[in-house]
């Protein structure tokens, strides 16, 4: 058995992204033997005084810096929930495109998760509110402080991906050992 492959399977760094046209949350966790460990989180603020191209450029360079600094192995992006207006949805779609593009350009595999799936994974219900998600993120990652809503959402996306990979590996292992 290739031990390097075994180590790669047991450890990964996941960049979770909650895209937004004004604020984009990010959360970085390390998965060691299927257990989450907090690395970093925050919010990329995209000022409204600048036009859309400048905001997208800031998002692009900020995500590049995060990837360069933390060297994630995977990226997980929350899918867009369309609510307000067609114009807002279009602008959000541009930010989401950048959030998908930057990790892909860095050679990361990019995964997408519906907001309902993310909430289900961390809070046990797809109808969880923002406060419930924040509370569960604090518990699951054993944080001393509550992250902002956007950062908590991004950490939840990263956790959802970690749990999804863990479940996929379990199913694959079970299928291989019990054909």
Foldseek 3Di string as FASTA:
>chain_A
DPVVVVQVLQKFKEWFWEFALAKIKIFIWMHGNLATAGDDIDIQGQDPVDDLVVSLVSLLVVVLVVCVVPVGQAYEYEDDDDDDDPVRVVSSVSRVVSVVPNCVVVVHHYHYDYCLLLCCQQQVGSPDDLVSLQVSLCVRNVNPDGYPSNNSSRSSRRSSVSVVSVVVVVVVVCVVVPD
